[in-house]
Amino acid sequence: MRPLIRNLIGLGGFFAIWEVAPRSGLVSSLSIPPASTVLRRLVEILGTESFIRDIIATVLAWLIALIIAIAIAVPAGLLLGSIPGLRVATRAIVELLRPIPSVALIPAAIVMIGSGPETKITLAVYASVWPILFNTIYALDEIDPLLVDTARSFGTRRTRIMSSVALPHAAPFIFTGIRLSAAIALIVVISVEYIAGAVRGIGKFSLEAYDGGGRMDLVLAATVVAGVIGYLINESLEWLGRRWFRWSTVVGADR
């Protein structure tokens, strides 16, 4: 219970500072309303069907983007990690594309794809691929050569070595990459909803609340919801990692 108690104390301290700062005049209550005001608005909007639909739209886009990113990055990482020549040949392209922020691609994505949910999913996939890809490549670099040589000495085929030796070794590294990408995907989805607009989503709700009268209480209430969703995602993945990879120090070390 000690970590839980420490977390609750830290959370309580944060909300206490948030409550006192606007009321004491340290910050403008118009820019940052007190925590009690924001929490009241949070309860109100959670009771509306429209905001619940916004939450569902954001979470669904996040989930689709993460699944697509995994489906792309894991096979690509296994391929690049197991064939050094191919990795060298593609290094320039990878290093050119990787630093480009997803939000910088919003205009191009809107022109090519449109302003529907496909845009935020595509950009979230783009941003989420890299941590999984590089973690997979790194995992194959760290594999003990003795394991591979032993498998080869028994006449094991390359595909069998990949599935029975390399992939189990790489799995904890890949899972860590997925955890990192899960947070990135959520950030990008909400950012694109806010910057580029969307039919539904938490970012779209925040944009309308601010443009419709500068309602920072509603904006911050939606921000709290986004933070809670991100926290629950990370905690759920941590729990799965501890259950699936008890034998590995990689997942435990990332906690």
Foldseek 3Di string as FASTA:
>chain_A
DVVVVVVVVVVVVVLVCQQCCCVVPVDPCLQRPRPVLLVVVLVVVVPDPQQVQQAVLLVVLLVLLLVVLLVPQQVLLLVCLVDVVVVVVCVVVCVVQQVDQLVVCQVVLCVVPNLESVSLSVSLNSNLNPLLNVLSSVQSVPFDVVLVVVCVVVVHDPVRCCVPPSCVSSVLSNLVSSLVSSLSSSVSSLVCCQPVNYPGHLNNQLNCCCVVPHNVSSNVSSVVVSVVVNVVSNVVSLVVSCVPPVVDVSSVVVD
